[in-house]
Amino acid sequence: MPNQAATRKDARRRQLFCTAETLVREGGFAALTMQALAGRAQVSVGTLYRYFKNKDELSVAVFTQATERELQALRACAEQPSTVQKRLQKMVVVFAERAQSAPVLARALIAEPVDPEVDKARLVYRRHYADIFQKLLREGMENKELPQQSVALTATAIVGAIAEAVAGPLSAPIAEAQLPQQLAMLVLRACGGVGGEGG
């Protein structure tokens, strides 16, 4: 049987973690301070340090869990039984629609100025996003749906374009009508899909 004290501690940690993510959803990582979390959770700041070593650890954990959910959504699109071009389009549409449904969180994950530890995690996950696109691009080249190209360069450019379009500092408002569909068409053209070889 699990130790009851440990079980209670795990439950409290999960509760605090959910409250921390709620703060980020509402105000970005700037809103996630130990004082704000303690106030929202109605505990002392000292109590928080029983569960999280420091704010950096907490912020990275919130970032990682939220970003893993987004990656899982894209992987599900990438694994659907369809053409490469349709899967690419679906991935971009789903990513943009999810960003539009939670714009503050999307900006926090993608573009908000953050502490160095969160920024390091952001770079790691950008590579994970690019890896998903690279795999699809290779498949598209192999089955002649897409023209030959540098998959590393194209995938990196796609990730950057999506990030800038949905949440970057130069982007149009995240709620812009038809953004997901227009962004999907842009990505397909960039990799030689729509209007290109294999289109």
N, C-alpha and C. Protein backbone atom coordinates (compact mmCIF):
# COMPACT_ATOMS: atom_id res chain seq x y z
N MET A 1 0.84 -1.20 0.00
CA MET A 1 0.00 0.00 0.00
C MET A 1 0.88 1.25 0.00
N PRO A 2 0.52 2.25 -0.80
CA PRO A 2 1.29 3.50 -0.80
C PRO A 2 1.20 4.19 0.55
N ASN A 3 2.27 4.81 0.93
CA ASN A 3 2.27 5.58 2.16
C ASN A 3 1.26 6.72 2.06
N GLN A 4 0.35 6.82 3.04
CA GLN A 4 -0.72 7.81 2.97
C GLN A 4 -0.18 9.23 2.94
N ALA A 5 0.87 9.48 3.71
CA ALA A 5 1.46 10.81 3.73
C ALA A 5 2.02 11.18 2.36
N ALA A 6 2.69 10.19 1.73
CA ALA A 6 3.25 10.44 0.39
C ALA A 6 2.14 10.66 -0.63
N THR A 7 1.06 9.91 -0.50
CA THR A 7 -0.08 10.08 -1.41
C THR A 7 -0.69 11.47 -1.27
N ARG A 8 -0.85 11.91 -0.03
CA ARG A 8 -1.39 13.25 0.20
C ARG A 8 -0.46 14.32 -0.36
N LYS A 9 0.84 14.10 -0.18
CA LYS A 9 1.81 15.08 -0.70
C LYS A 9 1.75 15.14 -2.22
N ASP A 10 1.64 13.99 -2.87
CA ASP A 10 1.54 13.96 -4.33
C ASP A 10 0.28 14.69 -4.81
N ALA A 11 -0.82 14.45 -4.11
CA ALA A 11 -2.08 15.11 -4.48
C ALA A 11 -1.97 16.61 -4.31
N ARG A 12 -1.36 17.05 -3.22
CA ARG A 12 -1.19 18.50 -3.00
C ARG A 12 -0.27 19.09 -4.05
N ARG A 13 0.80 18.37 -4.41
CA ARG A 13 1.72 18.88 -5.42
C ARG A 13 0.99 19.04 -6.76
N ARG A 14 0.17 18.06 -7.13
CA ARG A 14 -0.59 18.16 -8.38
C ARG A 14 -1.55 19.34 -8.35
N GLN A 15 -2.17 19.55 -7.19
CA GLN A 15 -3.10 20.67 -7.04
C GLN A 15 -2.36 22.00 -7.21
N LEU A 16 -1.21 22.12 -6.57
CA LEU A 16 -0.42 23.34 -6.69
C LEU A 16 0.05 23.55 -8.13
N PHE A 17 0.42 22.45 -8.77
CA PHE A 17 0.89 22.52 -10.15
C PHE A 17 -0.22 23.01 -11.08
N CYS A 18 -1.43 22.49 -10.89
CA CYS A 18 -2.57 22.94 -11.70
C CYS A 18 -2.86 24.41 -11.47
N THR A 19 -2.74 24.85 -10.23
CA THR A 19 -2.96 26.26 -9.93
C THR A 19 -1.89 27.12 -10.59
N ALA A 20 -0.65 26.62 -10.61
CA ALA A 20 0.43 27.35 -11.27
C ALA A 20 0.15 27.49 -12.76
N GLU A 21 -0.31 26.42 -13.41
CA GLU A 21 -0.61 26.52 -14.83
C GLU A 21 -1.76 27.48 -15.09
N THR A 22 -2.73 27.50 -14.19
CA THR A 22 -3.84 28.45 -14.34
C THR A 22 -3.33 29.89 -14.32
N LEU A 23 -2.38 30.17 -13.45
CA LEU A 23 -1.80 31.52 -13.40
C LEU A 23 -1.14 31.86 -14.73
N VAL A 24 -0.43 30.90 -15.33
CA VAL A 24 0.22 31.14 -16.61
C VAL A 24 -0.82 31.33 -17.71
N ARG A 25 -1.88 30.55 -17.68
CA ARG A 25 -2.95 30.70 -18.67
C ARG A 25 -3.60 32.07 -18.59
N GLU A 26 -3.63 32.63 -17.40
CA GLU A 26 -4.28 33.93 -17.21
C GLU A 26 -3.36 35.10 -17.49
N GLY A 27 -2.09 34.97 -17.14
CA GLY A 27 -1.21 36.13 -17.25
C GLY A 27 0.19 35.86 -17.75
N GLY A 28 0.43 34.66 -18.29
CA GLY A 28 1.76 34.33 -18.75
C GLY A 28 2.68 33.99 -17.60
N PHE A 29 3.95 33.72 -17.93
CA PHE A 29 4.91 33.35 -16.90
C PHE A 29 5.22 34.53 -15.97
N ALA A 30 4.97 35.75 -16.43
CA ALA A 30 5.18 36.91 -15.56
C ALA A 30 4.25 36.86 -14.36
N ALA A 31 3.11 36.20 -14.53
CA ALA A 31 2.13 36.11 -13.44
C ALA A 31 2.44 34.99 -12.47
N LEU A 32 3.38 34.12 -12.83
CA LEU A 32 3.71 32.98 -11.97
C LEU A 32 4.86 33.34 -11.04
N THR A 33 4.51 33.76 -9.86
CA THR A 33 5.49 33.98 -8.80
C THR A 33 5.11 33.09 -7.63
N MET A 34 6.05 32.84 -6.77
CA MET A 34 5.75 32.01 -5.61
C MET A 34 4.71 32.69 -4.72
N GLN A 35 4.78 34.03 -4.65
CA GLN A 35 3.81 34.75 -3.84
C GLN A 35 2.40 34.64 -4.43
N ALA A 36 2.33 34.78 -5.76
CA ALA A 36 1.02 34.70 -6.41
C ALA A 36 0.44 33.29 -6.27
N LEU A 37 1.28 32.28 -6.43
CA LEU A 37 0.82 30.91 -6.31
C LEU A 37 0.36 30.62 -4.88
N ALA A 38 1.13 31.09 -3.92
CA ALA A 38 0.75 30.87 -2.52
C ALA A 38 -0.60 31.52 -2.22
N GLY A 39 -0.78 32.74 -2.74
CA GLY A 39 -2.04 33.44 -2.51
C GLY A 39 -3.21 32.72 -3.15
N ARG A 40 -3.05 32.29 -4.40
CA ARG A 40 -4.14 31.61 -5.11
C ARG A 40 -4.46 30.26 -4.44
N ALA A 41 -3.41 29.56 -4.01
CA ALA A 41 -3.61 28.24 -3.40
C ALA A 41 -3.94 28.32 -1.92
N GLN A 42 -3.85 29.51 -1.36
CA GLN A 42 -4.14 29.74 0.05
C GLN A 42 -3.23 28.90 0.96
N VAL A 43 -1.93 28.99 0.64
CA VAL A 43 -0.91 28.37 1.48
C VAL A 43 0.18 29.40 1.70
N SER A 44 1.11 29.10 2.58
CA SER A 44 2.23 30.01 2.79
C SER A 44 3.28 29.79 1.70
N VAL A 45 4.09 30.80 1.46
CA VAL A 45 5.17 30.66 0.49
C VAL A 45 6.11 29.54 0.93
N GLY A 46 6.35 29.44 2.22
CA GLY A 46 7.21 28.39 2.73
C GLY A 46 6.70 27.00 2.39
N THR A 47 5.39 26.85 2.39
CA THR A 47 4.80 25.54 2.04
C THR A 47 5.17 25.14 0.62
N LEU A 48 5.20 26.12 -0.28
CA LEU A 48 5.51 25.81 -1.68
C LEU A 48 6.88 25.17 -1.84
N TYR A 49 7.82 25.61 -1.01
CA TYR A 49 9.18 25.09 -1.14
C TYR A 49 9.32 23.65 -0.64
N ARG A 50 8.26 23.10 -0.07
CA ARG A 50 8.26 21.68 0.24
C ARG A 50 7.99 20.85 -1.02
N TYR A 51 7.42 21.51 -2.04
CA TYR A 51 7.01 20.80 -3.26
C TYR A 51 7.84 21.18 -4.48
N PHE A 52 8.36 22.40 -4.50
CA PHE A 52 9.15 22.88 -5.63
C PHE A 52 10.40 23.54 -5.10
N LYS A 53 11.54 23.15 -5.67
CA LYS A 53 12.82 23.67 -5.17
C LYS A 53 12.90 25.18 -5.29
N ASN A 54 12.42 25.71 -6.41
CA ASN A 54 12.44 27.16 -6.63
C ASN A 54 11.48 27.48 -7.78
N LYS A 55 11.37 28.76 -8.10
CA LYS A 55 10.46 29.19 -9.16
C LYS A 55 10.89 28.65 -10.51
N ASP A 56 12.19 28.58 -10.77
CA ASP A 56 12.66 28.05 -12.05
C ASP A 56 12.18 26.62 -12.27
N GLU A 57 12.31 25.79 -11.25
CA GLU A 57 11.87 24.40 -11.37
C GLU A 57 10.37 24.35 -11.66
N LEU A 58 9.60 25.16 -10.97
CA LEU A 58 8.16 25.20 -11.16
C LEU A 58 7.81 25.67 -12.57
N SER A 59 8.45 26.74 -13.01
CA SER A 59 8.15 27.30 -14.34
C SER A 59 8.50 26.32 -15.45
N VAL A 60 9.65 25.67 -15.34
CA VAL A 60 10.05 24.69 -16.36
C VAL A 60 9.06 23.53 -16.38
N ALA A 61 8.61 23.09 -15.21
CA ALA A 61 7.67 21.98 -15.15
C ALA A 61 6.34 22.36 -15.80
N VAL A 62 5.85 23.57 -15.55
CA VAL A 62 4.61 24.03 -16.18
C VAL A 62 4.80 24.12 -17.68
N PHE A 63 5.91 24.71 -18.11
CA PHE A 63 6.19 24.83 -19.54
C PHE A 63 6.24 23.45 -20.20
N THR A 64 6.95 22.52 -19.56
CA THR A 64 7.14 21.20 -20.15
C THR A 64 5.81 20.46 -20.30
N GLN A 65 5.00 20.48 -19.26
CA GLN A 65 3.73 19.76 -19.34
C GLN A 65 2.81 20.36 -20.41
N ALA A 66 2.72 21.68 -20.45
CA ALA A 66 1.85 22.33 -21.43
C ALA A 66 2.35 22.08 -22.86
N THR A 67 3.66 22.14 -23.05
CA THR A 67 4.22 21.94 -24.39
C THR A 67 4.10 20.49 -24.83
N GLU A 68 4.24 19.56 -23.90
CA GLU A 68 4.07 18.14 -24.24
C GLU A 68 2.66 17.87 -24.77
N ARG A 69 1.66 18.56 -24.21
CA ARG A 69 0.30 18.39 -24.72
C ARG A 69 0.20 18.84 -26.17
N GLU A 70 0.87 19.95 -26.49
CA GLU A 70 0.83 20.45 -27.87
C GLU A 70 1.55 19.49 -28.81
N LEU A 71 2.68 18.97 -28.37
CA LEU A 71 3.41 18.00 -29.19
C LEU A 71 2.58 16.74 -29.44
N GLN A 72 1.89 16.28 -28.42
CA GLN A 72 1.06 15.09 -28.57
C GLN A 72 -0.05 15.33 -29.60
N ALA A 73 -0.61 16.53 -29.59
CA ALA A 73 -1.66 16.85 -30.56
C ALA A 73 -1.10 16.82 -31.98
N LEU A 74 0.12 17.33 -32.17
CA LEU A 74 0.72 17.31 -33.50
C LEU A 74 1.12 15.90 -33.92
N ARG A 75 1.65 15.13 -32.99
CA ARG A 75 2.02 13.75 -33.33
C ARG A 75 0.79 12.95 -33.76
N ALA A 76 -0.34 13.19 -33.10
CA ALA A 76 -1.57 12.49 -33.47
C ALA A 76 -1.97 12.82 -34.91
N CYS A 77 -1.80 14.09 -35.31
CA CYS A 77 -2.09 14.49 -36.69
C CYS A 77 -1.11 13.84 -37.66
N ALA A 78 0.16 13.81 -37.26
CA ALA A 78 1.20 13.27 -38.14
C ALA A 78 1.04 11.78 -38.37
N GLU A 79 0.39 11.09 -37.45
CA GLU A 79 0.26 9.63 -37.55
C GLU A 79 -1.06 9.20 -38.20
N GLN A 80 -1.88 10.14 -38.61
CA GLN A 80 -3.14 9.77 -39.24
C GLN A 80 -2.91 9.10 -40.60
N PRO A 81 -3.79 8.19 -41.00
CA PRO A 81 -3.66 7.54 -42.31
C PRO A 81 -4.14 8.45 -43.43
N SER A 82 -3.25 9.29 -43.92
CA SER A 82 -3.60 10.24 -44.97
C SER A 82 -2.34 10.60 -45.74
N THR A 83 -2.49 11.48 -46.73
CA THR A 83 -1.32 11.92 -47.48
C THR A 83 -0.45 12.82 -46.61
N VAL A 84 0.79 12.95 -47.00
CA VAL A 84 1.70 13.82 -46.24
C VAL A 84 1.19 15.25 -46.26
N GLN A 85 0.75 15.72 -47.41
CA GLN A 85 0.30 17.10 -47.50
C GLN A 85 -0.92 17.36 -46.62
N LYS A 86 -1.85 16.42 -46.58
CA LYS A 86 -3.03 16.60 -45.73
C LYS A 86 -2.66 16.58 -44.26
N ARG A 87 -1.70 15.72 -43.91
CA ARG A 87 -1.27 15.67 -42.51
C ARG A 87 -0.53 16.94 -42.11
N LEU A 88 0.32 17.46 -43.01
CA LEU A 88 0.99 18.73 -42.74
C LEU A 88 -0.03 19.84 -42.51
N GLN A 89 -1.01 19.89 -43.39
CA GLN A 89 -2.04 20.92 -43.27
C GLN A 89 -2.80 20.78 -41.95
N LYS A 90 -3.16 19.54 -41.60
CA LYS A 90 -3.89 19.31 -40.36
C LYS A 90 -3.07 19.71 -39.16
N MET A 91 -1.78 19.40 -39.17
CA MET A 91 -0.92 19.75 -38.05
C MET A 91 -0.90 21.25 -37.81
N VAL A 92 -0.75 22.01 -38.89
CA VAL A 92 -0.68 23.47 -38.75
C VAL A 92 -2.01 24.03 -38.29
N VAL A 93 -3.10 23.54 -38.86
CA VAL A 93 -4.42 24.03 -38.47
C VAL A 93 -4.69 23.73 -36.99
N VAL A 94 -4.39 22.52 -36.57
CA VAL A 94 -4.61 22.15 -35.17
C VAL A 94 -3.76 23.00 -34.24
N PHE A 95 -2.49 23.19 -34.58
CA PHE A 95 -1.62 24.01 -33.74
C PHE A 95 -2.17 25.43 -33.60
N ALA A 96 -2.55 26.02 -34.73
CA ALA A 96 -3.04 27.40 -34.70
C ALA A 96 -4.37 27.51 -33.97
N GLU A 97 -5.25 26.55 -34.17
CA GLU A 97 -6.54 26.59 -33.49
C GLU A 97 -6.38 26.45 -31.98
N ARG A 98 -5.47 25.58 -31.57
CA ARG A 98 -5.21 25.43 -30.14
C ARG A 98 -4.62 26.71 -29.56
N ALA A 99 -3.75 27.37 -30.32
CA ALA A 99 -3.19 28.64 -29.86
C ALA A 99 -4.28 29.70 -29.74
N GLN A 100 -5.19 29.73 -30.70
CA GLN A 100 -6.28 30.71 -30.65
C GLN A 100 -7.22 30.45 -29.48
N SER A 101 -7.34 29.19 -29.08
CA SER A 101 -8.25 28.86 -27.98
C SER A 101 -7.66 29.23 -26.61
N ALA A 102 -6.36 29.40 -26.55
CA ALA A 102 -5.69 29.78 -25.29
C ALA A 102 -4.56 30.75 -25.61
N PRO A 103 -4.90 31.96 -26.07
CA PRO A 103 -3.88 32.88 -26.58
C PRO A 103 -2.82 33.31 -25.57
N VAL A 104 -3.21 33.51 -24.32
CA VAL A 104 -2.22 33.92 -23.32
C VAL A 104 -1.22 32.80 -23.08
N LEU A 105 -1.72 31.59 -22.96
CA LEU A 105 -0.82 30.45 -22.78
C LEU A 105 0.06 30.26 -24.00
N ALA A 106 -0.50 30.40 -25.20
CA ALA A 106 0.29 30.23 -26.42
C ALA A 106 1.44 31.22 -26.46
N ARG A 107 1.17 32.47 -26.16
CA ARG A 107 2.24 33.48 -26.16
C ARG A 107 3.28 33.17 -25.08
N ALA A 108 2.81 32.68 -23.94
CA ALA A 108 3.74 32.34 -22.86
C ALA A 108 4.68 31.22 -23.29
N LEU A 109 4.13 30.21 -23.97
CA LEU A 109 4.95 29.07 -24.38
C LEU A 109 5.88 29.41 -25.53
N ILE A 110 5.45 30.33 -26.40
CA ILE A 110 6.18 30.56 -27.65
C ILE A 110 7.06 31.80 -27.62
N ALA A 111 6.53 32.91 -27.11
CA ALA A 111 7.21 34.18 -27.36
C ALA A 111 7.45 35.08 -26.16
N GLU A 112 6.83 34.80 -25.04
CA GLU A 112 7.00 35.68 -23.88
C GLU A 112 8.45 35.67 -23.39
N PRO A 113 9.02 36.82 -23.07
CA PRO A 113 10.34 36.82 -22.43
C PRO A 113 10.27 36.03 -21.12
N VAL A 114 11.16 35.08 -20.95
CA VAL A 114 11.09 34.18 -19.80
C VAL A 114 12.45 34.04 -19.15
N ASP A 115 12.46 33.39 -17.99
CA ASP A 115 13.71 33.13 -17.30
C ASP A 115 14.59 32.19 -18.14
N PRO A 116 15.91 32.25 -17.95
CA PRO A 116 16.82 31.43 -18.78
C PRO A 116 16.50 29.94 -18.80
N GLU A 117 16.09 29.38 -17.67
CA GLU A 117 15.83 27.94 -17.63
C GLU A 117 14.63 27.57 -18.50
N VAL A 118 13.61 28.41 -18.50
CA VAL A 118 12.45 28.17 -19.36
C VAL A 118 12.85 28.36 -20.82
N ASP A 119 13.68 29.34 -21.08
CA ASP A 119 14.12 29.59 -22.46
C ASP A 119 14.91 28.40 -23.00
N LYS A 120 15.72 27.78 -22.14
CA LYS A 120 16.45 26.57 -22.56
C LYS A 120 15.47 25.46 -22.94
N ALA A 121 14.46 25.28 -22.12
CA ALA A 121 13.45 24.25 -22.41
C ALA A 121 12.71 24.58 -23.70
N ARG A 122 12.46 25.84 -23.94
CA ARG A 122 11.78 26.26 -25.17
C ARG A 122 12.59 25.87 -26.40
N LEU A 123 13.89 26.06 -26.35
CA LEU A 123 14.74 25.70 -27.48
C LEU A 123 14.75 24.19 -27.72
N VAL A 124 14.76 23.42 -26.64
CA VAL A 124 14.72 21.96 -26.75
C VAL A 124 13.43 21.53 -27.44
N TYR A 125 12.32 22.13 -27.04
CA TYR A 125 11.04 21.72 -27.61
C TYR A 125 10.86 22.23 -29.03
N ARG A 126 11.49 23.32 -29.38
CA ARG A 126 11.44 23.73 -30.79
C ARG A 126 12.09 22.67 -31.67
N ARG A 127 13.14 22.06 -31.16
CA ARG A 127 13.77 20.97 -31.92
C ARG A 127 12.83 19.78 -32.03
N HIS A 128 12.08 19.51 -30.96
CA HIS A 128 11.11 18.41 -31.02
C HIS A 128 10.04 18.68 -32.07
N TYR A 129 9.56 19.92 -32.13
CA TYR A 129 8.58 20.29 -33.17
C TYR A 129 9.19 20.07 -34.55
N ALA A 130 10.41 20.55 -34.72
CA ALA A 130 11.07 20.42 -36.02
C ALA A 130 11.27 18.96 -36.40
N ASP A 131 11.55 18.10 -35.43
CA ASP A 131 11.73 16.68 -35.71
C ASP A 131 10.46 16.07 -36.30
N ILE A 132 9.30 16.46 -35.79
CA ILE A 132 8.03 15.94 -36.31
C ILE A 132 7.87 16.34 -37.77
N PHE A 133 8.17 17.61 -38.07
CA PHE A 133 8.04 18.08 -39.45
C PHE A 133 9.08 17.42 -40.36
N GLN A 134 10.29 17.24 -39.84
CA GLN A 134 11.32 16.59 -40.65
C GLN A 134 10.89 15.19 -41.08
N LYS A 135 10.31 14.44 -40.16
CA LYS A 135 9.88 13.08 -40.47
C LYS A 135 8.85 13.07 -41.60
N LEU A 136 7.89 13.99 -41.53
CA LEU A 136 6.87 14.06 -42.57
C LEU A 136 7.46 14.52 -43.90
N LEU A 137 8.36 15.49 -43.85
CA LEU A 137 8.98 15.97 -45.08
C LEU A 137 9.76 14.85 -45.78
N ARG A 138 10.49 14.06 -45.00
CA ARG A 138 11.23 12.94 -45.60
C ARG A 138 10.27 11.96 -46.27
N GLU A 139 9.16 11.67 -45.58
CA GLU A 139 8.17 10.77 -46.16
C GLU A 139 7.61 11.34 -47.46
N GLY A 140 7.34 12.64 -47.45
CA GLY A 140 6.81 13.28 -48.66
C GLY A 140 7.79 13.25 -49.81
N MET A 141 9.07 13.40 -49.53
CA MET A 141 10.09 13.32 -50.58
C MET A 141 10.21 11.89 -51.11
N GLU A 142 10.15 10.92 -50.22
CA GLU A 142 10.29 9.52 -50.62
C GLU A 142 9.15 9.06 -51.53
N ASN A 143 7.93 9.53 -51.22
CA ASN A 143 6.80 9.07 -52.05
C ASN A 143 6.45 10.07 -53.16
N LYS A 144 7.33 11.06 -53.38
CA LYS A 144 7.21 12.02 -54.48
C LYS A 144 6.07 13.03 -54.29
N GLU A 145 5.55 13.13 -53.07
CA GLU A 145 4.54 14.17 -52.82
C GLU A 145 5.18 15.55 -52.73
N LEU A 146 6.44 15.57 -52.30
CA LEU A 146 7.15 16.84 -52.12
C LEU A 146 8.46 16.80 -52.88
N PRO A 147 8.94 17.96 -53.33
CA PRO A 147 10.23 17.99 -54.03
C PRO A 147 11.39 17.77 -53.07
N GLN A 148 12.54 17.41 -53.62
CA GLN A 148 13.75 17.25 -52.81
C GLN A 148 14.13 18.60 -52.19
N GLN A 149 14.55 18.56 -50.95
CA GLN A 149 14.89 19.78 -50.23
C GLN A 149 15.66 19.42 -48.97
N SER A 150 16.20 20.44 -48.32
CA SER A 150 16.84 20.23 -47.02
C SER A 150 15.74 20.15 -45.97
N VAL A 151 15.49 18.95 -45.46
CA VAL A 151 14.40 18.81 -44.50
C VAL A 151 14.70 19.56 -43.20
N ALA A 152 15.98 19.61 -42.82
CA ALA A 152 16.34 20.32 -41.60
C ALA A 152 16.03 21.80 -41.72
N LEU A 153 16.42 22.39 -42.85
CA LEU A 153 16.17 23.81 -43.07
C LEU A 153 14.68 24.11 -43.18
N THR A 154 13.97 23.31 -43.98
CA THR A 154 12.54 23.55 -44.16
C THR A 154 11.78 23.39 -42.86
N ALA A 155 12.08 22.33 -42.11
CA ALA A 155 11.37 22.09 -40.86
C ALA A 155 11.62 23.22 -39.86
N THR A 156 12.87 23.68 -39.77
CA THR A 156 13.19 24.77 -38.86
C THR A 156 12.45 26.05 -39.26
N ALA A 157 12.41 26.31 -40.57
CA ALA A 157 11.70 27.50 -41.06
C ALA A 157 10.20 27.40 -40.80
N ILE A 158 9.65 26.21 -40.94
CA ILE A 158 8.22 26.02 -40.67
C ILE A 158 7.91 26.32 -39.21
N VAL A 159 8.70 25.77 -38.32
CA VAL A 159 8.47 25.99 -36.89
C VAL A 159 8.56 27.48 -36.56
N GLY A 160 9.56 28.16 -37.12
CA GLY A 160 9.69 29.59 -36.88
C GLY A 160 8.53 30.38 -37.43
N ALA A 161 8.07 30.02 -38.63
CA ALA A 161 6.96 30.73 -39.25
C ALA A 161 5.68 30.56 -38.45
N ILE A 162 5.42 29.34 -38.01
CA ILE A 162 4.21 29.09 -37.22
C ILE A 162 4.25 29.87 -35.91
N ALA A 163 5.40 29.82 -35.24
CA ALA A 163 5.53 30.51 -33.96
C ALA A 163 5.31 32.01 -34.12
N GLU A 164 5.92 32.58 -35.15
CA GLU A 164 5.77 34.02 -35.37
C GLU A 164 4.34 34.38 -35.74
N ALA A 165 3.71 33.54 -36.56
CA ALA A 165 2.36 33.85 -37.04
C ALA A 165 1.32 33.80 -35.92
N VAL A 166 1.47 32.84 -35.00
CA VAL A 166 0.42 32.71 -33.99
C VAL A 166 0.70 33.47 -32.70
N ALA A 167 1.98 33.73 -32.39
CA ALA A 167 2.24 34.34 -31.09
C ALA A 167 3.48 35.21 -31.03
N GLY A 168 4.15 35.43 -32.14
CA GLY A 168 5.36 36.23 -32.11
C GLY A 168 5.07 37.71 -31.98
N PRO A 169 6.08 38.50 -31.63
CA PRO A 169 5.88 39.94 -31.43
C PRO A 169 5.50 40.70 -32.68
N LEU A 170 5.74 40.14 -33.88
CA LEU A 170 5.38 40.82 -35.12
C LEU A 170 4.10 40.27 -35.72
N SER A 171 3.46 39.33 -35.05
CA SER A 171 2.31 38.64 -35.63
C SER A 171 1.07 39.50 -35.62
N ALA A 172 0.12 39.14 -36.51
CA ALA A 172 -1.20 39.72 -36.48
C ALA A 172 -1.91 39.22 -35.24
N PRO A 173 -3.05 39.83 -34.88
CA PRO A 173 -3.78 39.33 -33.71
C PRO A 173 -4.04 37.82 -33.82
N ILE A 174 -3.85 37.13 -32.72
CA ILE A 174 -3.93 35.68 -32.74
C ILE A 174 -5.32 35.18 -33.12
N ALA A 175 -6.35 36.01 -32.93
CA ALA A 175 -7.71 35.59 -33.22
C ALA A 175 -8.12 35.89 -34.67
N GLU A 176 -7.18 36.32 -35.49
CA GLU A 176 -7.50 36.69 -36.87
C GLU A 176 -8.25 35.56 -37.59
N ALA A 177 -9.33 35.93 -38.27
CA ALA A 177 -10.14 34.94 -38.98
C ALA A 177 -9.31 34.24 -40.05
N GLN A 178 -9.53 32.97 -40.19
CA GLN A 178 -8.87 32.15 -41.21
C GLN A 178 -7.37 31.99 -41.01
N LEU A 179 -6.85 32.40 -39.86
CA LEU A 179 -5.41 32.25 -39.61
C LEU A 179 -4.95 30.80 -39.74
N PRO A 180 -5.64 29.82 -39.13
CA PRO A 180 -5.15 28.44 -39.25
C PRO A 180 -5.06 27.96 -40.69
N GLN A 181 -6.10 28.22 -41.47
CA GLN A 181 -6.12 27.75 -42.85
C GLN A 181 -5.10 28.48 -43.71
N GLN A 182 -4.98 29.79 -43.53
CA GLN A 182 -4.01 30.55 -44.30
C GLN A 182 -2.58 30.13 -43.96
N LEU A 183 -2.34 29.88 -42.69
CA LEU A 183 -1.01 29.46 -42.26
C LEU A 183 -0.68 28.08 -42.81
N ALA A 184 -1.67 27.20 -42.85
CA ALA A 184 -1.46 25.86 -43.41
C ALA A 184 -1.09 25.94 -44.88
N MET A 185 -1.76 26.82 -45.62
CA MET A 185 -1.43 26.98 -47.04
C MET A 185 -0.02 27.53 -47.22
N LEU A 186 0.36 28.46 -46.36
CA LEU A 186 1.72 29.01 -46.42
C LEU A 186 2.76 27.92 -46.22
N VAL A 187 2.53 27.06 -45.23
CA VAL A 187 3.48 25.99 -44.93
C VAL A 187 3.56 25.01 -46.09
N LEU A 188 2.43 24.66 -46.67
CA LEU A 188 2.44 23.73 -47.79
C LEU A 188 3.19 24.31 -48.99
N ARG A 189 2.98 25.58 -49.27
CA ARG A 189 3.71 26.21 -50.38
C ARG A 189 5.20 26.24 -50.07
N ALA A 190 5.55 26.49 -48.82
CA ALA A 190 6.97 26.60 -48.45
C ALA A 190 7.73 25.29 -48.66
N CYS A 191 7.03 24.16 -48.46
CA CYS A 191 7.72 22.89 -48.64
C CYS A 191 7.47 22.26 -50.01
N GLY A 192 6.86 23.04 -50.91
CA GLY A 192 6.67 22.56 -52.27
C GLY A 192 5.42 21.74 -52.48
N GLY A 193 4.45 21.91 -51.62
CA GLY A 193 3.22 21.14 -51.73
C GLY A 193 2.24 21.77 -52.69
N VAL A 194 1.37 22.61 -52.19
CA VAL A 194 0.34 23.23 -53.01
C VAL A 194 0.99 24.04 -54.13
N GLY A 195 0.64 23.70 -55.35
CA GLY A 195 1.18 24.42 -56.49
C GLY A 195 2.58 24.01 -56.87
N GLY A 196 3.15 23.04 -56.12
CA GLY A 196 4.50 22.59 -56.42
C GLY A 196 4.49 21.14 -56.85
N GLU A 197 5.65 20.53 -56.90
CA GLU A 197 5.74 19.13 -57.28
C GLU A 197 4.97 18.28 -56.28
N GLY A 198 4.26 17.32 -56.78
CA GLY A 198 3.52 16.43 -55.90
C GLY A 198 2.24 17.04 -55.40
N GLY A 199 1.85 18.30 -55.86
CA GLY A 199 0.65 18.95 -55.36
C GLY A 199 -0.55 18.33 -55.93
